[in-house]
Amino acid sequence: MTKRHKTESNAMWGGRFNAAPSDVMTQINASIDIDQRLWKQDIEASKAHCQMLVKQSIIAETEGKAILEGLEQVASEIENGSFVFKTEFEDIHMNIESRLKEIIGDVAGKLHTARSRNDQVATDFKLWTREACGVLIEKIVGFQAVLETLSQEHENSIMPGFTHLQVAQPVTLGMHLDAYWQMLSRDKTRIQDCTKRLNDSPLGACALSGTGFPTDQDYTAKQLGFDQPMSNNMDAVSARDFAMEFLFCCAQCGLNLSRLAEEVILWSTPQFGFVTLSDEWSTGSSIMPQKKNPDAAELVRAKTGRLNGNLIQLMTVMKALPLAYNKDMQEDKAAVFESFDIACLCLDAMSGMMGSANFHLARMRDAAEDGYATATEMADWLVRNLNMPFRDAHHITGKIVKLAEGQSCRLDQLDLVDMQAIAPQITDDIYNSLTLEKAVQSRR
């Protein structure tokens, strides 16, 4: 038989109920283990709401003063670790309100005038997400600085560019790393856009339809740094697209980091030999003494799956919810908090790993030499100098590459006579287009 709590009902909402929730109901209903992370935002929003209630003469100034002082004490207790979070109070809002009542008495109940937990949690969550966006942007900018330094340092360090993971054309390491700088720049602007879209205040929407009290939503919006109140109360309490957009930003950023991590993993193998990671960002094997594994990069690559999963999880929760608030939406915060933590961790790891990596430039150049990377330059030379249609030049160059393969040599090592046997118009000027430097410079 399911146990029940000794108390008859929850002190915050139990007037309608004769019996307390079962232990299992309490467990499934409680979110305090997750949403206690919102305590700063909850107190910040409660202060703004209290000040508005005083300003609008909805509560007395002395009552407002007591509430604000009590909230300060609660904040102090949480910061110093003496605050006890209790499952029976379900969430961060009721935990704080319960403690506030212990400190200042029944006047604490007046704080919830013209407010519901529905608009309260939406406000807290938006405040937290807005701050998280700022942190992520800072970390992206930090990693971009690492990539920019490397790109400038290796502006002329030649390496093969790949398509289909096959040698395609020569590029520079600087150009390659700058591509990731550009990806991160788009990640940054996506997060900035997310910040703009989420910055309307839900506070004052109450449960779903607003309130009959003469509240001032513009005032609380301004106090909390929002641009304006949300214009529809039902939308205000039920919208979680800002959370899904944030999750998408995290997932997309993680995807970009994962692509670079994958390349670092490949480059660090003996088969590529392009890079050696520092000991600080590598691990060993418990059985194979020679191993130096790129585990930081592998874990960044793997954690992208959790970022993608969190986005899908919340989209699945929200996909069929009728207006307005539903308890399903309590599942929104765990995904967002975890994705934020993972994205921050991955950005820090990539910054440290790439900033201390040792690139083997001679090996990169040799790889570009070995892969017939200048074949496109040869075709372009035939077009420019012999006025040949590109398709014909492509076909002739393909034959010359096949010839070089048969002789196990590079294009610039072929005899002119051998090339002229395929295309008699070719002159020795063609060799000027077959150096890696010429190929890279021609595409600056």
Protein backbone atom coordinates (compact mmCIF):
# COMPACT_ATOMS: atom_id res chain seq x y z
CA MET A 1 0.00 0.00 0.00
CA THR A 2 1.33 3.44 -0.94
CA LYS A 3 2.43 5.51 2.01
CA ARG A 4 1.11 9.01 2.61
CA HIS A 5 2.64 11.95 4.41
CA LYS A 6 1.41 12.73 7.89
CA THR A 7 0.38 16.25 6.97
CA GLU A 8 -3.08 16.46 5.52
CA SER A 9 -2.19 18.55 2.50
CA ASN A 10 0.41 20.83 1.03
CA ALA A 11 0.43 24.15 2.88
CA MET A 12 0.96 26.12 -0.33
CA TRP A 13 -1.90 24.73 -2.39
CA GLY A 14 -3.68 22.14 -0.27
CA GLY A 15 -6.92 23.88 0.63
CA ARG A 16 -8.72 21.95 -2.10
CA PHE A 17 -7.40 18.59 -0.85
CA ASN A 18 -8.18 16.46 2.19
CA ALA A 19 -5.20 14.12 1.95
CA ALA A 20 -1.54 14.58 1.22
CA PRO A 21 0.04 13.24 -1.96
CA SER A 22 1.42 9.72 -1.87
CA ASP A 23 5.15 9.31 -1.53
CA VAL A 24 5.43 8.37 -5.19
CA MET A 25 3.34 11.38 -6.22
CA THR A 26 5.59 13.61 -4.16
CA GLN A 27 8.62 12.10 -5.82
CA ILE A 28 7.38 12.43 -9.39
CA ASN A 29 5.94 15.90 -8.76
CA ALA A 30 9.02 17.43 -7.13
CA SER A 31 11.53 19.33 -9.23
CA ILE A 32 13.62 20.93 -6.49
CA ASP A 33 16.66 18.77 -7.24
CA ILE A 34 16.74 20.36 -10.70
CA ASP A 35 15.26 23.83 -10.41
CA GLN A 36 17.08 24.91 -7.23
CA ARG A 37 19.58 26.19 -9.79
CA LEU A 38 17.10 29.02 -10.41
CA TRP A 39 17.28 30.39 -6.87
CA LYS A 40 19.06 33.63 -7.75
CA GLN A 41 16.64 34.37 -10.55
CA ASP A 42 13.65 33.49 -8.36
CA ILE A 43 14.74 35.91 -5.67
CA GLU A 44 15.57 38.59 -8.24
CA ALA A 45 12.15 38.29 -9.86
CA SER A 46 10.41 38.15 -6.47
CA LYS A 47 12.10 41.39 -5.42
CA ALA A 48 10.96 43.12 -8.60
CA HIS A 49 7.43 41.80 -8.12
CA CYS A 50 7.39 42.93 -4.49
CA GLN A 51 8.60 46.42 -5.40
CA MET A 52 5.86 46.63 -8.02
CA LEU A 53 3.20 45.56 -5.50
CA VAL A 54 4.34 48.36 -3.15
CA LYS A 55 4.54 50.88 -5.99
CA GLN A 56 1.00 50.03 -7.05
CA SER A 57 -0.27 50.13 -3.43
CA ILE A 58 -1.33 46.51 -3.66
CA ILE A 59 0.61 45.75 -0.46
CA ALA A 60 1.81 48.16 2.21
CA GLU A 61 5.30 49.63 2.15
CA THR A 62 6.09 48.04 5.52
CA GLU A 63 5.03 44.66 4.19
CA GLY A 64 7.18 45.11 1.12
CA LYS A 65 10.17 46.05 3.27
CA ALA A 66 9.76 42.93 5.38
CA ILE A 67 9.48 40.75 2.28
CA LEU A 68 12.60 42.25 0.68
CA GLU A 69 14.63 41.85 3.86
CA GLY A 70 13.41 38.29 4.22
CA LEU A 71 14.38 37.50 0.63
CA GLU A 72 17.86 38.87 1.32
CA GLN A 73 18.17 36.50 4.27
CA VAL A 74 17.02 33.56 2.18
CA ALA A 75 19.61 34.44 -0.47
CA SER A 76 22.31 34.62 2.18
CA GLU A 77 21.35 31.22 3.55
CA ILE A 78 21.44 29.61 0.13
CA GLU A 79 24.81 31.17 -0.63
CA ASN A 80 26.41 30.02 2.63
CA GLY A 81 24.92 26.52 2.33
CA SER A 82 22.69 26.61 5.41
CA PHE A 83 19.41 26.59 3.45
CA VAL A 84 17.63 23.21 3.50
CA PHE A 85 15.84 22.34 0.26
CA LYS A 86 12.79 20.18 0.94
CA THR A 87 11.13 17.80 -1.51
CA GLU A 88 7.70 18.28 0.04
CA PHE A 89 7.73 21.90 -1.17
CA GLU A 90 8.13 20.65 -4.75
CA ASP A 91 10.14 23.38 -6.39
CA ILE A 92 12.45 26.34 -5.82
CA HIS A 93 9.56 28.81 -5.66
CA MET A 94 7.74 27.10 -2.83
CA ASN A 95 10.95 26.28 -0.99
CA ILE A 96 11.87 29.96 -0.93
CA GLU A 97 8.37 31.08 -0.03
CA SER A 98 8.17 28.53 2.79
CA ARG A 99 11.44 29.72 4.29
CA LEU A 100 10.37 33.33 3.83
CA LYS A 101 7.27 32.60 5.88
CA GLU A 102 9.40 31.09 8.64
CA ILE A 103 11.47 34.28 8.72
CA ILE A 104 8.82 37.03 8.46
CA GLY A 105 5.52 35.26 9.17
CA ASP A 106 2.25 35.29 7.28
CA VAL A 107 3.07 38.51 5.41
CA ALA A 108 5.24 36.32 3.18
CA GLY A 109 2.03 35.05 1.60
CA LYS A 110 1.34 38.51 0.20
CA LEU A 111 4.32 38.18 -2.15
CA HIS A 112 2.31 35.81 -4.33
CA THR A 113 -0.44 38.40 -4.89
CA ALA A 114 -1.02 38.87 -8.64
CA ARG A 115 1.45 36.13 -9.47
CA SER A 116 1.30 32.42 -10.28
CA ARG A 117 4.00 29.82 -10.32
CA ASN A 118 3.29 29.65 -14.05
CA ASP A 119 4.53 33.14 -14.83
CA GLN A 120 7.04 32.92 -11.99
CA VAL A 121 8.87 29.91 -13.42
CA ALA A 122 8.73 31.26 -16.97
CA THR A 123 10.32 34.50 -15.75
CA ASP A 124 13.01 32.74 -13.71
CA PHE A 125 13.81 30.40 -16.57
CA LYS A 126 14.13 33.24 -19.06
CA LEU A 127 16.40 35.19 -16.71
CA TRP A 128 18.62 32.13 -16.27
CA THR A 129 18.72 31.35 -19.99
CA ARG A 130 19.58 34.94 -20.83
CA GLU A 131 22.53 34.79 -18.46
CA ALA A 132 23.56 31.41 -19.85
CA CYS A 133 23.57 32.88 -23.36
CA GLY A 134 26.04 35.52 -22.19
CA VAL A 135 28.33 32.90 -20.67
CA LEU A 136 28.28 30.79 -23.82
CA ILE A 137 29.09 33.78 -25.98
CA GLU A 138 32.10 34.57 -23.79
CA LYS A 139 33.37 31.01 -24.09
CA ILE A 140 32.88 31.00 -27.86
CA VAL A 141 34.81 34.26 -28.14
CA GLY A 142 37.57 32.72 -26.01
CA PHE A 143 37.87 29.72 -28.29
CA GLN A 144 37.75 31.95 -31.34
CA ALA A 145 40.74 33.83 -29.96
CA VAL A 146 42.67 30.55 -29.80
CA LEU A 147 41.73 29.71 -33.39
CA GLU A 148 42.56 33.21 -34.59
CA THR A 149 46.03 33.02 -33.07
CA LEU A 150 46.63 29.66 -34.71
CA SER A 151 45.24 30.85 -38.05
CA GLN A 152 47.56 33.83 -38.11
CA GLU A 153 50.55 31.75 -37.01
CA HIS A 154 49.90 29.22 -39.78
CA GLU A 155 48.82 31.60 -42.52
CA ASN A 156 51.39 30.07 -44.88
CA SER A 157 51.58 26.52 -43.48
CA ILE A 158 50.56 24.34 -46.41
CA MET A 159 48.45 21.24 -45.91
CA PRO A 160 46.09 19.20 -48.08
CA GLY A 161 42.50 20.22 -48.28
CA PHE A 162 40.08 17.30 -48.41
CA THR A 163 36.78 16.41 -49.97
CA HIS A 164 35.37 12.93 -49.31
CA LEU A 165 38.40 12.63 -46.99
CA GLN A 166 40.54 12.40 -50.14
CA VAL A 167 43.27 14.91 -50.96
CA ALA A 168 41.62 17.63 -53.05
CA GLN A 169 43.61 20.87 -53.32
CA PRO A 170 46.35 22.47 -51.25
CA VAL A 171 45.24 24.92 -48.59
CA THR A 172 46.85 26.36 -45.48
CA LEU A 173 46.37 25.28 -41.91
CA GLY A 174 45.41 28.88 -41.19
CA MET A 175 42.60 28.72 -43.74
CA HIS A 176 41.43 25.37 -42.38
CA LEU A 177 41.24 26.58 -38.79
CA ASP A 178 39.65 29.86 -39.83
CA ALA A 179 36.75 27.86 -41.25
CA TYR A 180 35.95 26.79 -37.69
CA TRP A 181 36.31 30.39 -36.50
CA GLN A 182 33.61 31.27 -39.02
CA MET A 183 31.34 28.46 -37.82
CA LEU A 184 31.72 29.65 -34.25
CA SER A 185 30.95 33.19 -35.35
CA ARG A 186 27.60 31.98 -36.64
CA ASP A 187 27.07 30.07 -33.40
CA LYS A 188 27.68 33.31 -31.53
CA THR A 189 25.19 35.31 -33.60
CA ARG A 190 22.58 32.55 -33.22
CA ILE A 191 22.90 32.81 -29.44
CA GLN A 192 22.70 36.60 -29.65
CA ASP A 193 19.50 36.27 -31.67
CA CYS A 194 18.14 33.78 -29.12
CA THR A 195 18.86 36.34 -26.39
CA LYS A 196 16.91 39.01 -28.24
CA ARG A 197 13.88 36.79 -28.81
CA LEU A 198 13.65 35.56 -25.24
CA ASN A 199 13.93 39.01 -23.72
CA ASP A 200 10.22 39.71 -23.22
CA SER A 201 8.89 39.36 -19.69
CA PRO A 202 6.21 36.79 -18.75
CA LEU A 203 5.83 38.22 -15.24
CA GLY A 204 2.30 39.42 -14.63
CA ALA A 205 0.61 36.85 -16.84
CA CYS A 206 -0.24 34.89 -13.68
CA ALA A 207 -1.72 31.46 -14.32
CA LEU A 208 -2.76 32.20 -17.91
CA SER A 209 -5.14 35.15 -18.11
CA GLY A 210 -3.51 37.97 -16.19
CA THR A 211 -4.85 39.49 -12.98
CA GLY A 212 -7.50 41.87 -11.79
CA PHE A 213 -5.01 43.71 -9.59
CA PRO A 214 -3.64 47.01 -10.95
CA THR A 215 -0.18 45.64 -11.69
CA ASP A 216 2.52 47.35 -13.76
CA GLN A 217 4.13 44.79 -16.05
CA ASP A 218 6.22 47.43 -17.77
CA TYR A 219 7.81 48.25 -14.42
CA THR A 220 8.76 44.67 -13.58
CA ALA A 221 10.00 44.08 -17.13
CA LYS A 222 12.29 47.09 -16.86
CA GLN A 223 13.50 46.10 -13.38
CA LEU A 224 14.52 42.69 -14.67
CA GLY A 225 16.21 43.94 -17.82
CA PHE A 226 13.55 42.73 -20.24
CA ASP A 227 12.69 44.78 -23.32
CA GLN A 228 8.95 44.67 -22.66
CA PRO A 229 6.20 42.43 -21.27
CA MET A 230 4.95 39.60 -23.43
CA SER A 231 1.82 40.72 -25.23
CA ASN A 232 -0.28 37.58 -24.72
CA ASN A 233 -0.63 36.08 -21.26
CA MET A 234 -1.44 32.57 -22.45
CA ASP A 235 1.63 32.60 -24.65
CA ALA A 236 3.69 34.02 -21.79
CA VAL A 237 3.17 31.06 -19.47
CA SER A 238 3.20 28.31 -22.09
CA ALA A 239 5.99 29.34 -24.47
CA ARG A 240 9.18 27.31 -24.29
CA ASP A 241 10.46 28.00 -27.77
CA PHE A 242 13.19 30.12 -26.19
CA ALA A 243 14.42 27.01 -24.37
CA MET A 244 14.31 24.91 -27.53
CA GLU A 245 16.12 27.62 -29.45
CA PHE A 246 18.79 27.70 -26.76
CA LEU A 247 19.08 23.91 -26.97
CA PHE A 248 19.46 24.16 -30.73
CA CYS A 249 22.22 26.75 -30.32
CA CYS A 250 24.03 24.40 -27.95
CA ALA A 251 23.54 21.45 -30.28
CA GLN A 252 24.73 23.34 -33.35
CA CYS A 253 27.77 24.66 -31.54
CA GLY A 254 28.49 21.16 -30.28
CA LEU A 255 28.16 19.83 -33.81
CA ASN A 256 30.78 22.30 -35.04
CA LEU A 257 33.10 21.42 -32.18
CA SER A 258 32.56 17.73 -32.93
CA ARG A 259 33.66 18.19 -36.54
CA LEU A 260 36.90 19.77 -35.43
CA ALA A 261 37.34 17.13 -32.74
CA GLU A 262 36.93 14.42 -35.38
CA GLU A 263 39.65 16.00 -37.50
CA VAL A 264 41.99 16.28 -34.53
CA ILE A 265 41.40 12.59 -33.81
CA LEU A 266 42.27 11.67 -37.39
CA TRP A 267 45.21 14.05 -37.57
CA SER A 268 46.72 12.62 -34.39
CA THR A 269 46.94 9.09 -35.82
CA PRO A 270 50.30 7.85 -37.19
CA GLN A 271 48.59 7.47 -40.57
CA PHE A 272 48.05 11.24 -40.74
CA GLY A 273 50.69 12.46 -38.32
CA PHE A 274 49.53 16.08 -38.58
CA VAL A 275 49.33 16.89 -34.88
CA THR A 276 50.43 15.76 -31.44
CA LEU A 277 48.24 16.70 -28.50
CA SER A 278 49.81 17.76 -25.24
CA ASP A 279 49.89 15.33 -22.34
CA GLU A 280 47.39 17.55 -20.52
CA TRP A 281 44.73 16.77 -23.12
CA SER A 282 45.50 13.09 -23.72
CA THR A 283 45.16 9.83 -21.82
CA GLY A 284 46.94 6.49 -21.87
CA SER A 285 46.01 2.84 -21.94
CA SER A 286 45.85 0.50 -18.97
CA ILE A 287 47.38 -2.31 -21.01
CA MET A 288 49.24 -0.76 -23.97
CA PRO A 289 52.12 1.40 -22.74
CA GLN A 290 52.69 3.12 -26.08
CA LYS A 291 49.20 4.59 -26.38
CA LYS A 292 48.48 8.30 -26.27
CA ASN A 293 44.79 8.71 -26.85
CA PRO A 294 42.98 11.92 -27.93
CA ASP A 295 40.27 11.34 -25.35
CA ALA A 296 39.40 15.01 -24.89
CA ALA A 297 38.54 15.27 -28.57
CA GLU A 298 36.67 11.96 -28.48
CA LEU A 299 34.57 13.06 -25.53
CA VAL A 300 33.71 16.36 -27.19
CA ARG A 301 32.62 14.35 -30.21
CA ALA A 302 30.52 12.03 -28.05
CA LYS A 303 28.85 14.72 -25.95
CA THR A 304 27.31 16.15 -29.09
CA GLY A 305 24.90 13.22 -28.92
CA ARG A 306 23.63 14.41 -25.57
CA LEU A 307 23.22 17.95 -26.89
CA ASN A 308 21.19 16.66 -29.82
CA GLY A 309 19.19 14.38 -27.55
CA ASN A 310 18.25 17.18 -25.17
CA LEU A 311 16.88 19.24 -28.06
CA ILE A 312 14.77 16.33 -29.30
CA GLN A 313 13.64 15.54 -25.75
CA LEU A 314 12.15 18.99 -25.15
CA MET A 315 10.68 19.22 -28.64
CA THR A 316 8.97 15.89 -27.97
CA VAL A 317 7.61 17.15 -24.64
CA MET A 318 6.18 20.31 -26.22
CA LYS A 319 4.91 18.95 -29.52
CA ALA A 320 1.31 18.22 -28.46
CA LEU A 321 0.66 20.39 -25.41
CA PRO A 322 -2.57 22.39 -25.48
CA LEU A 323 -2.58 25.92 -24.09
CA ALA A 324 -1.69 27.03 -21.56
CA TYR A 325 0.62 25.61 -18.86
CA ASN A 326 0.95 21.84 -18.42
CA LYS A 327 3.01 19.97 -15.85
CA ASP A 328 4.88 18.28 -18.70
CA MET A 329 6.78 21.55 -19.03
CA GLN A 330 8.51 20.85 -15.73
CA GLU A 331 10.80 18.61 -17.81
CA ASP A 332 12.22 21.61 -19.68
CA LYS A 333 14.95 22.70 -17.29
CA ALA A 334 16.98 19.51 -16.89
CA ALA A 335 17.69 19.43 -20.63
CA VAL A 336 18.63 23.11 -20.78
CA PHE A 337 20.85 23.01 -17.71
CA GLU A 338 22.68 19.92 -18.92
CA SER A 339 23.20 21.27 -22.44
CA PHE A 340 24.59 24.51 -21.07
CA ASP A 341 27.03 22.63 -18.84
CA ILE A 342 28.12 20.35 -21.69
CA ALA A 343 28.56 23.20 -24.18
CA CYS A 344 30.67 25.17 -21.69
CA LEU A 345 32.79 22.12 -20.88
CA CYS A 346 33.37 21.30 -24.55
CA LEU A 347 34.34 24.87 -25.43
CA ASP A 348 36.81 24.95 -22.54
CA ALA A 349 38.24 21.58 -23.55
CA MET A 350 38.66 22.56 -27.19
CA SER A 351 40.29 25.86 -26.21
CA GLY A 352 42.83 24.08 -24.03
CA MET A 353 43.45 21.22 -26.44
CA MET A 354 43.90 23.33 -29.56
CA GLY A 355 45.88 26.02 -27.78
CA SER A 356 48.51 23.48 -26.70
CA ALA A 357 48.56 21.29 -29.83
CA ASN A 358 51.79 20.75 -31.76
CA PHE A 359 51.26 20.73 -35.53
CA HIS A 360 53.71 18.84 -37.74
CA LEU A 361 53.98 21.21 -40.68
CA ALA A 362 56.49 19.22 -42.73
CA ARG A 363 54.24 16.17 -42.61
CA MET A 364 51.25 18.26 -43.68
CA ARG A 365 53.18 19.64 -46.62
CA ASP A 366 54.36 16.17 -47.66
CA ALA A 367 50.76 14.95 -47.58
CA ALA A 368 49.76 17.78 -49.91
CA GLU A 369 52.63 16.85 -52.25
CA ASP A 370 51.70 13.19 -52.31
CA GLY A 371 48.06 13.51 -53.23
CA TYR A 372 48.16 15.19 -56.66
CA ALA A 373 46.64 18.23 -55.02
CA THR A 374 47.81 20.51 -57.85
CA ALA A 375 45.85 18.65 -60.53
CA THR A 376 43.20 21.36 -60.68
CA GLU A 377 45.96 23.94 -61.19
CA MET A 378 47.17 21.91 -64.16
CA ALA A 379 43.67 21.86 -65.66
CA ASP A 380 43.32 25.61 -65.09
CA TRP A 381 46.71 26.16 -66.82
CA LEU A 382 45.46 24.29 -69.88
CA VAL A 383 42.36 26.49 -69.95
CA ARG A 384 44.23 29.77 -69.47
CA ASN A 385 47.21 29.11 -71.73
CA LEU A 386 45.82 26.86 -74.44
CA ASN A 387 42.27 28.25 -74.56
CA MET A 388 41.02 24.74 -73.96
CA PRO A 389 37.48 23.99 -72.76
CA PHE A 390 37.62 23.06 -69.08
CA ARG A 391 36.01 19.65 -69.67
CA ASP A 392 38.76 18.79 -72.15
CA ALA A 393 41.40 20.11 -69.77
CA HIS A 394 39.89 18.03 -66.97
CA HIS A 395 40.05 14.90 -69.13
CA ILE A 396 43.65 15.49 -70.19
CA THR A 397 44.75 16.23 -66.64
CA GLY A 398 43.12 13.02 -65.47
CA LYS A 399 45.22 11.09 -67.97
CA ILE A 400 48.39 12.85 -66.78
CA VAL A 401 47.54 12.04 -63.15
CA LYS A 402 47.10 8.39 -64.14
CA LEU A 403 50.50 8.53 -65.84
CA ALA A 404 52.10 9.96 -62.70
CA GLU A 405 50.49 7.24 -60.61
CA GLY A 406 51.98 4.62 -62.91
CA GLN A 407 55.43 6.16 -62.49
CA SER A 408 54.95 6.67 -58.70
CA CYS A 409 55.90 10.31 -58.95
CA ARG A 410 54.37 13.76 -58.43
CA LEU A 411 52.96 15.81 -61.28
CA ASP A 412 55.88 18.21 -61.22
CA GLN A 413 58.29 15.26 -61.50
CA LEU A 414 56.89 14.04 -64.82
CA ASP A 415 58.98 14.59 -67.94
CA LEU A 416 57.62 17.20 -70.30
CA VAL A 417 57.86 14.71 -73.16
CA ASP A 418 55.56 12.31 -71.32
CA MET A 419 52.96 15.03 -70.79
CA GLN A 420 53.25 16.16 -74.42
CA ALA A 421 52.49 12.61 -75.50
CA ILE A 422 49.04 13.22 -74.03
CA ALA A 423 48.69 16.91 -75.02
CA PRO A 424 51.36 18.10 -77.50
CA GLN A 425 50.53 21.80 -76.84
CA ILE A 426 51.89 21.66 -73.28
CA THR A 427 55.03 23.71 -72.68
CA ASP A 428 57.50 23.70 -69.79
CA ASP A 429 55.72 26.76 -68.40
CA ILE A 430 53.20 24.33 -66.93
CA TYR A 431 55.66 23.45 -64.17
CA ASN A 432 55.25 26.96 -62.72
CA SER A 433 51.63 26.14 -61.88
CA LEU A 434 52.40 22.85 -60.16
CA THR A 435 54.06 24.10 -56.98
CA LEU A 436 52.03 24.07 -53.79
CA GLU A 437 52.80 27.73 -53.15
CA LYS A 438 51.54 28.73 -56.59
CA ALA A 439 48.35 26.70 -56.11
CA VAL A 440 47.64 28.30 -52.73
CA GLN A 441 48.53 31.84 -53.82
CA SER A 442 46.36 31.64 -56.93
CA ARG A 443 43.34 31.11 -54.69
CA ARG A 444 43.95 33.80 -52.12
